Amino acid sequence: MSQFAFDVSIEEFETKVLLPAQDVPVVVDFWAPWCEPCKALKPILEKLAEEYQGRFLLAMVNSDENPELAQHFGVRSIPSVKVLFQGQLVDEFNGALPESQIREFLDRFALPAAAGGNLREEAAALVADGKLEEALAKLVEASKAKPEDQAIQLDAVDVLIQLGRSDEAQQLLSGEYTQEAARANALRARLALAAGAADTAELEAKLAANPADHAIRLDLSRAYAAQSRFREAMEAALEVVVRDRFFEEGAGRKALLQLFEALGGSDQYDDLIREFRRKMSAALN
């Protein structure tokens, strides 16, 4: 929780939502602990609330604990997101959306960025467009303006890994990230994957000659991961689970869990992780 994202109950709704909404849009996220799509949406909204730095506020309402609020706003299913601004319901959506669509939604009503723009937000847009070098330059500029912001530093680590500049990423990750510990650990795990670089063509040829060679298949999974070909990496590891779940004491399952950990700090891989968690569960049951 932060100054931009917070839980709210019916008792606090007027002071935390209705009054601030006179000056700044308040995004109200109706969720519940048992709701799986809510678990996917909530961290994206929290991340964007921090990134937008007060251009909107995020109020999270547990609909199980506050049924009166859910009923008042006509919530029929969750997650359900309502936007209040200047006494009006100005926008809404239901269900979990990908981050790109949520950004488009927020940009319809978020307050204008401060003079000079939100550099971190601009960098995120450049990453989405595949302009990694330009994004890194923006993040360097943003870090100079806010040297205490660990989220910006980790954004730069993420871009450096995507650019294959592992030494620089490792140097940045050598510091302590007390405010962003979980994400820093995920990036360290992802950097470790990059160390498994190998000739995928050679491994693919060996596997084609002997499809039952699970060790080669796992080597190929690691090589794909080192090239950021994460879907192919997961497919190769999952195939080992399907063919022989007990190979080397569950090496296929462990490889998948390592990939999930390494990619868990980046919202762009959430859908991929969920997909392969389901597939792994089905293969093991």
C-alpha atoms as a PDB file:
ATOM      1  CA  MET A   1       0.000   0.000   0.000  1.00  0.00           C
ATOM      2  CA  SER A   2       1.103   3.574  -0.662  1.00  0.00           C
ATOM      3  CA  GLN A   3      -0.166   7.122  -0.959  1.00  0.00           C
ATOM      4  CA  PHE A   4      -1.438   6.250  -4.450  1.00  0.00           C
ATOM      5  CA  ALA A   5      -2.927   2.770  -3.789  1.00  0.00           C
ATOM      6  CA  PHE A   6      -4.780   1.695  -0.656  1.00  0.00           C
ATOM      7  CA  ASP A   7      -7.483  -0.569   0.764  1.00  0.00           C
ATOM      8  CA  VAL A   8     -10.766   1.057   1.681  1.00  0.00           C
ATOM      9  CA  SER A   9     -13.864  -0.022   3.630  1.00  0.00           C
ATOM     10  CA  ILE A  10     -17.374   1.377   3.679  1.00  0.00           C
ATOM     11  CA  GLU A  11     -16.547   3.385   6.813  1.00  0.00           C
ATOM     12  CA  GLU A  12     -13.651   5.142   5.048  1.00  0.00           C
ATOM     13  CA  PHE A  13     -15.206   5.450   1.606  1.00  0.00           C
ATOM     14  CA  GLU A  14     -16.210   9.093   1.895  1.00  0.00           C
ATOM     15  CA  THR A  15     -12.865  10.346   3.223  1.00  0.00           C
ATOM     16  CA  LYS A  16     -10.618   8.107   1.090  1.00  0.00           C
ATOM     17  CA  VAL A  17     -12.618   8.053  -2.158  1.00  0.00           C
ATOM     18  CA  LEU A  18     -15.471  10.528  -2.511  1.00  0.00           C
ATOM     19  CA  LEU A  19     -13.647  13.600  -1.200  1.00  0.00           C
ATOM     20  CA  PRO A  20     -10.348  13.022  -3.097  1.00  0.00           C
ATOM     21  CA  ALA A  21     -12.359  12.247  -6.242  1.00  0.00           C
ATOM     22  CA  GLN A  22     -13.384  15.900  -6.403  1.00  0.00           C
ATOM     23  CA  ASP A  23      -9.798  16.717  -7.448  1.00  0.00           C
ATOM     24  CA  VAL A  24      -8.294  13.518  -8.881  1.00  0.00           C
ATOM     25  CA  PRO A  25      -9.834  10.444 -10.576  1.00  0.00           C
ATOM     26  CA  VAL A  26     -10.179   7.517  -8.168  1.00  0.00           C
ATOM     27  CA  VAL A  27     -10.109   4.012  -9.627  1.00  0.00           C
ATOM     28  CA  VAL A  28     -12.138   1.681  -7.385  1.00  0.00           C
ATOM     29  CA  ASP A  29     -11.189  -1.987  -7.759  1.00  0.00           C
ATOM     30  CA  PHE A  30     -13.788  -4.417  -6.377  1.00  0.00           C
ATOM     31  CA  TRP A  31     -12.081  -7.744  -5.625  1.00  0.00           C
ATOM     32  CA  ALA A  32     -12.171 -10.761  -3.298  1.00  0.00           C
ATOM     33  CA  PRO A  33      -9.447 -13.098  -1.975  1.00  0.00           C
ATOM     34  CA  TRP A  34     -10.902 -16.172  -3.723  1.00  0.00           C
ATOM     35  CA  CYS A  35     -11.083 -14.505  -7.154  1.00  0.00           C
ATOM     36  CA  GLU A  36      -8.268 -15.674  -9.463  1.00  0.00           C
ATOM     37  CA  PRO A  37      -8.727 -12.938 -12.135  1.00  0.00           C
ATOM     38  CA  CYS A  38      -8.580 -10.393  -9.282  1.00  0.00           C
ATOM     39  CA  LYS A  39      -5.156 -11.724  -8.334  1.00  0.00           C
ATOM     40  CA  ALA A  40      -3.976 -11.049 -11.882  1.00  0.00           C
ATOM     41  CA  LEU A  41      -5.470  -7.549 -12.127  1.00  0.00           C
ATOM     42  CA  LYS A  42      -4.659  -6.157  -8.690  1.00  0.00           C
ATOM     43  CA  PRO A  43      -0.832  -6.066  -8.961  1.00  0.00           C
ATOM     44  CA  ILE A  44      -1.025  -4.441 -12.403  1.00  0.00           C
ATOM     45  CA  LEU A  45      -3.261  -1.674 -11.052  1.00  0.00           C
ATOM     46  CA  GLU A  46      -0.975  -1.208  -8.023  1.00  0.00           C
ATOM     47  CA  LYS A  47       2.095  -0.987 -10.235  1.00  0.00           C
ATOM     48  CA  LEU A  48       0.463   1.570 -12.543  1.00  0.00           C
ATOM     49  CA  ALA A  49      -0.766   3.651  -9.600  1.00  0.00           C
ATOM     50  CA  GLU A  50       2.860   4.012  -8.511  1.00  0.00           C
ATOM     51  CA  GLU A  51       4.038   4.672 -12.053  1.00  0.00           C
ATOM     52  CA  TYR A  52       1.428   7.380 -12.707  1.00  0.00           C
ATOM     53  CA  GLN A  53       2.485   9.122  -9.466  1.00  0.00           C
ATOM     54  CA  GLY A  54      -0.841  10.587  -8.398  1.00  0.00           C
ATOM     55  CA  ARG A  55      -2.428  11.158 -11.796  1.00  0.00           C
ATOM     56  CA  PHE A  56      -5.107   8.815 -10.416  1.00  0.00           C
ATOM     57  CA  LEU A  57      -5.640   7.096  -7.068  1.00  0.00           C
ATOM     58  CA  LEU A  58      -6.391   3.399  -6.620  1.00  0.00           C
ATOM     59  CA  ALA A  59      -8.896   2.366  -3.936  1.00  0.00           C
ATOM     60  CA  MET A  60      -9.267  -1.399  -3.441  1.00  0.00           C
ATOM     61  CA  VAL A  61     -12.531  -2.692  -1.999  1.00  0.00           C
ATOM     62  CA  ASN A  62     -12.896  -6.251  -0.728  1.00  0.00           C
ATOM     63  CA  SER A  63     -16.433  -6.952  -1.957  1.00  0.00           C
ATOM     64  CA  ASP A  64     -16.892  -9.850   0.496  1.00  0.00           C
ATOM     65  CA  GLU A  65     -16.254  -7.521   3.429  1.00  0.00           C
ATOM     66  CA  ASN A  66     -18.131  -4.557   1.922  1.00  0.00           C
ATOM     67  CA  PRO A  67     -21.195  -5.990   0.142  1.00  0.00           C
ATOM     68  CA  GLU A  68     -23.116  -2.742   0.581  1.00  0.00           C
ATOM     69  CA  LEU A  69     -20.572  -0.864  -1.531  1.00  0.00           C
ATOM     70  CA  ALA A  70     -20.581  -3.573  -4.193  1.00  0.00           C
ATOM     71  CA  GLN A  71     -24.381  -3.483  -4.320  1.00  0.00           C
ATOM     72  CA  HIS A  72     -24.461   0.332  -4.458  1.00  0.00           C
ATOM     73  CA  PHE A  73     -22.165   0.353  -7.513  1.00  0.00           C
ATOM     74  CA  GLY A  74     -24.045  -2.458  -9.241  1.00  0.00           C
ATOM     75  CA  VAL A  75     -21.171  -4.935  -9.082  1.00  0.00           C
ATOM     76  CA  ARG A  76     -22.421  -8.246 -10.510  1.00  0.00           C
ATOM     77  CA  SER A  77     -19.079  -9.983 -11.001  1.00  0.00           C
ATOM     78  CA  ILE A  78     -15.482  -9.363 -10.019  1.00  0.00           C
ATOM     79  CA  PRO A  79     -13.028  -7.964 -10.672  1.00  0.00           C
ATOM     80  CA  SER A  80     -15.025  -4.850 -11.406  1.00  0.00           C
ATOM     81  CA  VAL A  81     -13.367  -1.461 -11.803  1.00  0.00           C
ATOM     82  CA  LYS A  82     -15.226   1.854 -11.462  1.00  0.00           C
ATOM     83  CA  VAL A  83     -13.768   5.338 -11.916  1.00  0.00           C
ATOM     84  CA  LEU A  84     -15.110   8.252  -9.875  1.00  0.00           C
ATOM     85  CA  PHE A  85     -14.259  11.854 -10.655  1.00  0.00           C
ATOM     86  CA  GLN A  86     -15.944  15.105  -9.624  1.00  0.00           C
ATOM     87  CA  GLY A  87     -19.025  13.367  -8.298  1.00  0.00           C
ATOM     88  CA  GLN A  88     -19.578  11.182 -11.371  1.00  0.00           C
ATOM     89  CA  LEU A  89     -18.965   7.600 -12.443  1.00  0.00           C
ATOM     90  CA  VAL A  90     -16.858   8.423 -15.507  1.00  0.00           C
ATOM     91  CA  ASP A  91     -15.659   5.017 -16.712  1.00  0.00           C
ATOM     92  CA  GLU A  92     -15.573   1.318 -15.828  1.00  0.00           C
ATOM     93  CA  PHE A  93     -14.618  -2.179 -16.955  1.00  0.00           C
ATOM     94  CA  ASN A  94     -15.112  -5.743 -15.748  1.00  0.00           C
ATOM     95  CA  GLY A  95     -12.729  -8.683 -15.746  1.00  0.00           C
ATOM     96  CA  ALA A  96      -8.935  -8.839 -15.929  1.00  0.00           C
ATOM     97  CA  LEU A  97      -7.391  -6.941 -18.851  1.00  0.00           C
ATOM     98  CA  PRO A  98      -3.785  -7.024 -20.087  1.00  0.00           C
ATOM     99  CA  GLU A  99      -1.567  -4.146 -18.996  1.00  0.00           C
ATOM    100  CA  SER A 100      -1.584  -2.478 -22.420  1.00  0.00           C
ATOM    101  CA  GLN A 101      -5.390  -2.183 -22.389  1.00  0.00           C
ATOM    102  CA  ILE A 102      -5.385  -0.953 -18.795  1.00  0.00           C
ATOM    103  CA  ARG A 103      -2.942   1.803 -19.760  1.00  0.00           C
ATOM    104  CA  GLU A 104      -5.270   2.864 -22.590  1.00  0.00           C
ATOM    105  CA  PHE A 105      -8.165   2.860 -20.124  1.00  0.00           C
ATOM    106  CA  LEU A 106      -6.277   4.987 -17.568  1.00  0.00           C
ATOM    107  CA  ASP A 107      -5.064   7.468 -20.154  1.00  0.00           C
ATOM    108  CA  ARG A 108      -8.679   8.366 -20.953  1.00  0.00           C
ATOM    109  CA  PHE A 109      -9.124  10.132 -17.623  1.00  0.00           C
ATOM    110  CA  ALA A 110      -5.792  10.351 -15.750  1.00  0.00           C
ATOM    111  CA  LEU A 111      -4.631  13.854 -14.917  1.00  0.00           C
ATOM    112  CA  PRO A 112      -1.969  15.324 -17.231  1.00  0.00           C
ATOM    113  CA  ALA A 113       1.622  14.380 -16.472  1.00  0.00           C
ATOM    114  CA  ALA A 114       3.758  16.955 -14.716  1.00  0.00           C
ATOM    115  CA  ALA A 115       5.983  19.226 -16.771  1.00  0.00           C
ATOM    116  CA  GLY A 116       8.634  17.143 -18.463  1.00  0.00           C
ATOM    117  CA  GLY A 117       6.400  14.076 -18.429  1.00  0.00           C
ATOM    118  CA  ASN A 118       6.628  10.907 -16.401  1.00  0.00           C
ATOM    119  CA  LEU A 119       9.908   9.460 -17.620  1.00  0.00           C
ATOM    120  CA  ARG A 120       9.250   5.998 -16.224  1.00  0.00           C
ATOM    121  CA  GLU A 121       5.888   5.873 -17.955  1.00  0.00           C
ATOM    122  CA  GLU A 122       7.491   7.026 -21.219  1.00  0.00           C
ATOM    123  CA  ALA A 123      10.143   4.310 -20.865  1.00  0.00           C
ATOM    124  CA  ALA A 124       7.477   1.648 -20.346  1.00  0.00           C
ATOM    125  CA  ALA A 125       5.756   2.745 -23.550  1.00  0.00           C
ATOM    126  CA  LEU A 126       9.063   2.531 -25.439  1.00  0.00           C
ATOM    127  CA  VAL A 127       9.666  -0.990 -24.110  1.00  0.00           C
ATOM    128  CA  ALA A 128       6.197  -1.995 -25.285  1.00  0.00           C
ATOM    129  CA  ASP A 129       7.161  -0.715 -28.764  1.00  0.00           C
ATOM    130  CA  GLY A 130      10.428  -2.674 -28.704  1.00  0.00           C
ATOM    131  CA  LYS A 131      12.559   0.485 -28.525  1.00  0.00           C
ATOM    132  CA  LEU A 132      14.820  -0.802 -25.767  1.00  0.00           C
ATOM    133  CA  GLU A 133      17.807   1.531 -26.202  1.00  0.00           C
ATOM    134  CA  GLU A 134      15.534   4.590 -26.123  1.00  0.00           C
ATOM    135  CA  ALA A 135      13.748   3.185 -23.077  1.00  0.00           C
ATOM    136  CA  LEU A 136      17.056   2.685 -21.270  1.00  0.00           C
ATOM    137  CA  ALA A 137      18.044   6.290 -21.981  1.00  0.00           C
ATOM    138  CA  LYS A 138      14.741   7.481 -20.461  1.00  0.00           C
ATOM    139  CA  LEU A 139      15.303   5.326 -17.375  1.00  0.00           C
ATOM    140  CA  VAL A 140      18.821   6.695 -16.899  1.00  0.00           C
ATOM    141  CA  GLU A 141      17.351  10.197 -17.033  1.00  0.00           C
ATOM    142  CA  ALA A 142      14.573   9.211 -14.620  1.00  0.00           C
ATOM    143  CA  SER A 143      17.055   7.665 -12.188  1.00  0.00           C
ATOM    144  CA  LYS A 144      19.119  10.849 -12.138  1.00  0.00           C
ATOM    145  CA  ALA A 145      15.977  12.799 -11.245  1.00  0.00           C
ATOM    146  CA  LYS A 146      14.922  10.252  -8.587  1.00  0.00           C
ATOM    147  CA  PRO A 147      18.057   8.386  -7.446  1.00  0.00           C
ATOM    148  CA  GLU A 148      16.196   6.890  -4.475  1.00  0.00           C
ATOM    149  CA  ASP A 149      13.520   5.216  -6.663  1.00  0.00           C
ATOM    150  CA  GLN A 150      14.396   1.514  -6.728  1.00  0.00           C
ATOM    151  CA  ALA A 151      11.557   0.694  -9.132  1.00  0.00           C
ATOM    152  CA  ILE A 152      13.217   2.829 -11.828  1.00  0.00           C
ATOM    153  CA  GLN A 153      16.558   1.098 -11.240  1.00  0.00           C
ATOM    154  CA  LEU A 154      14.949  -2.328 -11.610  1.00  0.00           C
ATOM    155  CA  ASP A 155      13.171  -1.206 -14.769  1.00  0.00           C
ATOM    156  CA  ALA A 156      16.660  -0.469 -16.132  1.00  0.00           C
ATOM    157  CA  VAL A 157      17.893  -3.914 -15.070  1.00  0.00           C
ATOM    158  CA  ASP A 158      14.966  -5.507 -16.923  1.00  0.00           C
ATOM    159  CA  VAL A 159      15.813  -3.584 -20.103  1.00  0.00           C
ATOM    160  CA  LEU A 160      19.522  -4.416 -19.812  1.00  0.00           C
ATOM    161  CA  ILE A 161      18.679  -8.128 -19.581  1.00  0.00           C
ATOM    162  CA  GLN A 162      16.498  -7.842 -22.680  1.00  0.00           C
ATOM    163  CA  LEU A 163      19.390  -6.125 -24.458  1.00  0.00           C
ATOM    164  CA  GLY A 164      21.763  -8.940 -23.492  1.00  0.00           C
ATOM    165  CA  ARG A 165      23.927  -6.606 -21.397  1.00  0.00           C
ATOM    166  CA  SER A 166      24.163  -9.059 -18.510  1.00  0.00           C
ATOM    167  CA  ASP A 167      27.299  -7.643 -16.876  1.00  0.00           C
ATOM    168  CA  GLU A 168      25.720  -4.211 -16.486  1.00  0.00           C
ATOM    169  CA  ALA A 169      22.497  -5.768 -15.205  1.00  0.00           C
ATOM    170  CA  GLN A 170      24.470  -7.821 -12.684  1.00  0.00           C
ATOM    171  CA  GLN A 171      26.286  -4.712 -11.473  1.00  0.00           C
ATOM    172  CA  LEU A 172      23.019  -2.868 -10.902  1.00  0.00           C
ATOM    173  CA  LEU A 173      21.537  -5.875  -9.091  1.00  0.00           C
ATOM    174  CA  SER A 174      24.469  -6.094  -6.691  1.00  0.00           C
ATOM    175  CA  GLY A 175      22.903  -3.445  -4.473  1.00  0.00           C
ATOM    176  CA  GLU A 176      20.207  -3.947  -1.841  1.00  0.00           C
ATOM    177  CA  TYR A 177      16.605  -3.431  -2.908  1.00  0.00           C
ATOM    178  CA  THR A 178      14.725  -3.334   0.367  1.00  0.00           C
ATOM    179  CA  GLN A 179      11.689  -1.603  -1.172  1.00  0.00           C
ATOM    180  CA  GLU A 180      11.521  -3.949  -4.172  1.00  0.00           C
ATOM    181  CA  ALA A 181      12.998  -7.182  -2.780  1.00  0.00           C
ATOM    182  CA  ALA A 182      10.658  -9.623  -4.539  1.00  0.00           C
ATOM    183  CA  ARG A 183      11.150  -8.044  -7.948  1.00  0.00           C
ATOM    184  CA  ALA A 184      14.921  -7.811  -7.477  1.00  0.00           C
ATOM    185  CA  ASN A 185      15.092 -11.522  -6.629  1.00  0.00           C
ATOM    186  CA  ALA A 186      13.007 -12.382  -9.699  1.00  0.00           C
ATOM    187  CA  LEU A 187      15.372 -10.376 -11.906  1.00  0.00           C
ATOM    188  CA  ARG A 188      18.381 -12.109 -10.343  1.00  0.00           C
ATOM    189  CA  ALA A 189      16.769 -15.454 -11.207  1.00  0.00           C
ATOM    190  CA  ARG A 190      16.103 -14.232 -14.724  1.00  0.00           C
ATOM    191  CA  LEU A 191      19.705 -13.093 -15.088  1.00  0.00           C
ATOM    192  CA  ALA A 192      20.821 -16.570 -14.054  1.00  0.00           C
ATOM    193  CA  LEU A 193      18.790 -17.959 -16.954  1.00  0.00           C
ATOM    194  CA  ALA A 194      20.723 -15.741 -19.346  1.00  0.00           C
ATOM    195  CA  ALA A 195      23.905 -17.548 -18.292  1.00  0.00           C
ATOM    196  CA  GLY A 196      22.665 -20.743 -19.987  1.00  0.00           C
ATOM    197  CA  ALA A 197      23.427 -19.549 -23.502  1.00  0.00           C
ATOM    198  CA  ALA A 198      24.109 -22.344 -26.001  1.00  0.00           C
ATOM    199  CA  ASP A 199      23.671 -23.167 -29.686  1.00  0.00           C
ATOM    200  CA  THR A 200      19.978 -23.982 -29.952  1.00  0.00           C
ATOM    201  CA  ALA A 201      20.309 -25.308 -33.518  1.00  0.00           C
ATOM    202  CA  GLU A 202      22.838 -27.908 -32.396  1.00  0.00           C
ATOM    203  CA  LEU A 203      20.675 -28.962 -29.447  1.00  0.00           C
ATOM    204  CA  GLU A 204      17.574 -29.140 -31.655  1.00  0.00           C
ATOM    205  CA  ALA A 205      19.450 -31.430 -34.056  1.00  0.00           C
ATOM    206  CA  LYS A 206      20.523 -33.723 -31.212  1.00  0.00           C
ATOM    207  CA  LEU A 207      16.985 -33.857 -29.867  1.00  0.00           C
ATOM    208  CA  ALA A 208      15.546 -34.615 -33.304  1.00  0.00           C
ATOM    209  CA  ALA A 209      17.940 -37.579 -33.515  1.00  0.00           C
ATOM    210  CA  ASN A 210      16.918 -38.812 -30.073  1.00  0.00           C
ATOM    211  CA  PRO A 211      13.582 -37.376 -28.834  1.00  0.00           C
ATOM    212  CA  ALA A 212      13.785 -39.488 -25.672  1.00  0.00           C
ATOM    213  CA  ASP A 213      16.915 -37.661 -24.441  1.00  0.00           C
ATOM    214  CA  HIS A 214      15.421 -35.629 -21.613  1.00  0.00           C
ATOM    215  CA  ALA A 215      18.765 -34.125 -20.589  1.00  0.00           C
ATOM    216  CA  ILE A 216      19.205 -32.589 -24.044  1.00  0.00           C
ATOM    217  CA  ARG A 217      15.621 -31.321 -23.934  1.00  0.00           C
ATOM    218  CA  LEU A 218      16.325 -29.557 -20.644  1.00  0.00           C
ATOM    219  CA  ASP A 219      19.560 -28.115 -22.041  1.00  0.00           C
ATOM    220  CA  LEU A 220      17.498 -26.799 -24.948  1.00  0.00           C
ATOM    221  CA  SER A 221      14.978 -25.271 -22.513  1.00  0.00           C
ATOM    222  CA  ARG A 222      17.812 -23.410 -20.772  1.00  0.00           C
ATOM    223  CA  ALA A 223      19.238 -22.256 -24.106  1.00  0.00           C
ATOM    224  CA  TYR A 224      15.836 -20.933 -25.210  1.00  0.00           C
ATOM    225  CA  ALA A 225      15.491 -19.078 -21.884  1.00  0.00           C
ATOM    226  CA  ALA A 226      18.914 -17.482 -22.341  1.00  0.00           C
ATOM    227  CA  GLN A 227      17.643 -16.076 -25.646  1.00  0.00           C
ATOM    228  CA  SER A 228      14.433 -14.815 -23.966  1.00  0.00           C
ATOM    229  CA  ARG A 229      12.421 -17.408 -25.935  1.00  0.00           C
ATOM    230  CA  PHE A 230      10.440 -18.159 -22.805  1.00  0.00           C
ATOM    231  CA  ARG A 231       7.426 -19.907 -24.332  1.00  0.00           C
ATOM    232  CA  GLU A 232       9.709 -22.373 -26.120  1.00  0.00           C
ATOM    233  CA  ALA A 233      11.707 -22.822 -22.922  1.00  0.00           C
ATOM    234  CA  MET A 234       8.554 -23.700 -20.989  1.00  0.00           C
ATOM    235  CA  GLU A 235       7.296 -26.000 -23.724  1.00  0.00           C
ATOM    236  CA  ALA A 236      10.556 -27.958 -23.679  1.00  0.00           C
ATOM    237  CA  ALA A 237      10.574 -28.284 -19.889  1.00  0.00           C
ATOM    238  CA  LEU A 238       6.890 -29.245 -19.837  1.00  0.00           C
ATOM    239  CA  GLU A 239       7.529 -31.958 -22.421  1.00  0.00           C
ATOM    240  CA  VAL A 240      10.002 -33.558 -19.994  1.00  0.00           C
ATOM    241  CA  VAL A 241       7.312 -33.498 -17.284  1.00  0.00           C
ATOM    242  CA  VAL A 242       4.811 -35.113 -19.663  1.00  0.00           C
ATOM    243  CA  ARG A 243       7.239 -37.802 -20.874  1.00  0.00           C
ATOM    244  CA  ASP A 244       8.837 -38.634 -17.516  1.00  0.00           C
ATOM    245  CA  ARG A 245       7.875 -36.592 -14.473  1.00  0.00           C
ATOM    246  CA  PHE A 246      10.430 -38.475 -12.343  1.00  0.00           C
ATOM    247  CA  PHE A 247      13.433 -37.816 -14.619  1.00  0.00           C
ATOM    248  CA  GLU A 248      16.347 -36.690 -12.442  1.00  0.00           C
ATOM    249  CA  GLU A 249      14.056 -36.244  -9.427  1.00  0.00           C
ATOM    250  CA  GLY A 250      11.553 -34.035 -11.234  1.00  0.00           C
ATOM    251  CA  ALA A 251      14.025 -31.931 -13.210  1.00  0.00           C
ATOM    252  CA  GLY A 252      11.352 -30.872 -15.704  1.00  0.00           C
ATOM    253  CA  ARG A 253       9.089 -29.524 -12.971  1.00  0.00           C
ATOM    254  CA  LYS A 254      12.035 -27.761 -11.292  1.00  0.00           C
ATOM    255  CA  ALA A 255      12.985 -26.138 -14.616  1.00  0.00           C
ATOM    256  CA  LEU A 256       9.459 -24.794 -15.005  1.00  0.00           C
ATOM    257  CA  LEU A 257       9.418 -23.464 -11.435  1.00  0.00           C
ATOM    258  CA  GLN A 258      12.727 -21.706 -12.094  1.00  0.00           C
ATOM    259  CA  LEU A 259      11.213 -20.043 -15.163  1.00  0.00           C
ATOM    260  CA  PHE A 260       8.117 -19.001 -13.211  1.00  0.00           C
ATOM    261  CA  GLU A 261      10.317 -17.438 -10.526  1.00  0.00           C
ATOM    262  CA  ALA A 262      12.517 -15.665 -13.035  1.00  0.00           C
ATOM    263  CA  LEU A 263       9.619 -14.137 -14.953  1.00  0.00           C
ATOM    264  CA  GLY A 264       7.378 -13.481 -11.968  1.00  0.00           C
ATOM    265  CA  GLY A 265       8.606  -9.921 -11.478  1.00  0.00           C
ATOM    266  CA  SER A 266       7.335  -8.736 -14.860  1.00  0.00           C
ATOM    267  CA  ASP A 267       3.639  -8.286 -15.585  1.00  0.00           C
ATOM    268  CA  GLN A 268       4.168  -8.946 -19.287  1.00  0.00           C
ATOM    269  CA  TYR A 269       4.713 -12.657 -18.546  1.00  0.00           C
ATOM    270  CA  ASP A 270       1.777 -13.177 -16.178  1.00  0.00           C
ATOM    271  CA  ASP A 271      -0.450 -14.794 -18.804  1.00  0.00           C
ATOM    272  CA  LEU A 272       2.351 -17.107 -19.942  1.00  0.00           C
ATOM    273  CA  ILE A 273       3.100 -18.194 -16.376  1.00  0.00           C
ATOM    274  CA  ARG A 274      -0.576 -18.885 -15.637  1.00  0.00           C
ATOM    275  CA  GLU A 275      -0.900 -20.913 -18.839  1.00  0.00           C
ATOM    276  CA  PHE A 276       2.054 -23.161 -18.049  1.00  0.00           C
ATOM    277  CA  ARG A 277       1.180 -23.497 -14.370  1.00  0.00           C
ATOM    278  CA  ARG A 278      -2.147 -24.976 -15.488  1.00  0.00           C
ATOM    279  CA  LYS A 279      -0.432 -27.247 -18.009  1.00  0.00           C
ATOM    280  CA  MET A 280       2.106 -28.425 -15.439  1.00  0.00           C
ATOM    281  CA  SER A 281      -0.635 -29.111 -12.916  1.00  0.00           C
ATOM    282  CA  ALA A 282      -2.580 -31.118 -15.500  1.00  0.00           C
ATOM    283  CA  ALA A 283       0.533 -33.125 -16.412  1.00  0.00           C
ATOM    284  CA  LEU A 284       1.248 -33.949 -12.776  1.00  0.00           C
ATOM    285  CA  ASN A 285      -2.320 -34.977 -11.898  1.00  0.00           C
END
